[in-house]
Amino acid sequence: MTLAAELLEILACPEDKGPLYYIESESVLYNPRLHRTYEIRDDIPVMLIDESTALDDGENDRLSALVESDGLQPTFE
């Protein structure tokens, strides 16, 4: 299930307050600045820093390439 556009428009990283990328195929919200993802469970974004996933360089590069190749837009600008 896709997250509602209205929800995506207001979602920001709880740590740096910047925009995120919704990668639907991975069920995550991605912050390329901090190399971190926030999982989406049962269609609910888990926006807790303690439950986020820190990415190694390889995984961060993979998700960055996915964002670029799919033309994903940030949650806000």
Protein backbone atom coordinates (compact mmCIF):
# COMPACT_ATOMS: atom_id res chain seq x y z
CA MET A 1 0.00 0.00 0.00
CA THR A 2 1.22 3.49 -0.85
CA LEU A 3 1.49 6.14 1.84
CA ALA A 4 -0.96 9.01 1.39
CA ALA A 5 0.41 12.09 -0.36
CA GLU A 6 -0.89 14.26 2.49
CA LEU A 7 1.21 12.29 4.96
CA LEU A 8 4.33 12.36 2.80
CA GLU A 9 4.10 16.15 2.50
CA ILE A 10 4.61 16.58 6.26
CA LEU A 11 7.12 13.83 7.00
CA ALA A 12 10.61 14.97 7.98
CA CYS A 13 13.58 13.26 9.54
CA PRO A 14 13.19 13.49 13.32
CA GLU A 15 16.92 14.11 13.73
CA ASP A 16 17.90 16.71 11.11
CA LYS A 17 14.34 17.87 10.23
CA GLY A 18 15.11 17.53 6.51
CA PRO A 19 13.11 15.83 3.77
CA LEU A 20 13.06 12.09 3.22
CA TYR A 21 12.61 9.85 0.20
CA TYR A 22 9.82 7.31 0.22
CA ILE A 23 11.11 4.12 -1.38
CA GLU A 24 7.92 2.11 -1.66
CA SER A 25 9.62 -1.03 -2.99
CA GLU A 26 11.82 -1.14 0.15
CA SER A 27 9.07 -0.01 2.59
CA VAL A 28 11.33 2.70 3.99
CA LEU A 29 11.76 6.41 4.26
CA TYR A 30 15.36 7.25 3.38
CA ASN A 31 17.56 10.08 4.61
CA PRO A 32 20.64 10.29 2.34
CA ARG A 33 22.23 13.03 4.45
CA LEU A 34 22.49 10.86 7.57
CA HIS A 35 22.71 7.49 5.75
CA ARG A 36 19.62 6.27 7.59
CA THR A 37 16.26 4.64 6.89
CA TYR A 38 13.00 4.58 8.80
CA GLU A 39 10.94 1.43 8.38
CA ILE A 40 7.28 1.43 7.40
CA ARG A 41 5.37 -1.23 9.33
CA ASP A 42 1.75 -2.01 8.58
CA ASP A 43 1.55 1.18 6.51
CA ILE A 44 2.78 3.29 9.46
CA PRO A 45 6.13 5.10 9.29
CA VAL A 46 8.21 4.38 12.39
CA MET A 47 9.82 7.77 12.91
CA LEU A 48 11.88 6.98 16.01
CA ILE A 49 15.61 7.66 15.83
CA ASP A 50 16.34 4.69 18.08
CA GLU A 51 14.50 2.36 15.69
CA SER A 52 16.04 3.72 12.50
CA THR A 53 18.63 1.78 10.55
CA ALA A 54 22.11 3.21 10.01
CA LEU A 55 23.37 2.33 6.54
CA ASP A 56 26.86 1.33 5.54
CA ASP A 57 28.36 3.05 2.49
CA GLY A 58 27.37 0.27 0.10
CA GLU A 59 23.72 0.25 1.15
CA ASN A 60 23.59 4.05 1.13
CA ASP A 61 25.01 4.10 -2.41
CA ARG A 62 22.45 1.49 -3.52
CA LEU A 63 19.51 3.48 -2.14
CA SER A 64 20.88 6.75 -3.56
CA ALA A 65 21.11 5.12 -6.98
CA LEU A 66 17.55 3.80 -6.60
CA VAL A 67 16.25 7.27 -5.72
CA GLU A 68 18.00 8.72 -8.77
CA SER A 69 17.03 5.98 -11.23
CA ASP A 70 13.38 6.04 -10.14
CA GLY A 71 13.25 9.85 -10.13
CA LEU A 72 11.92 9.92 -6.56
CA GLN A 73 11.08 13.30 -5.09
CA PRO A 74 11.72 14.36 -1.49
CA THR A 75 8.80 14.54 0.92
CA PHE A 76 9.07 18.33 0.79
CA GLU A 77 11.42 20.93 -0.64
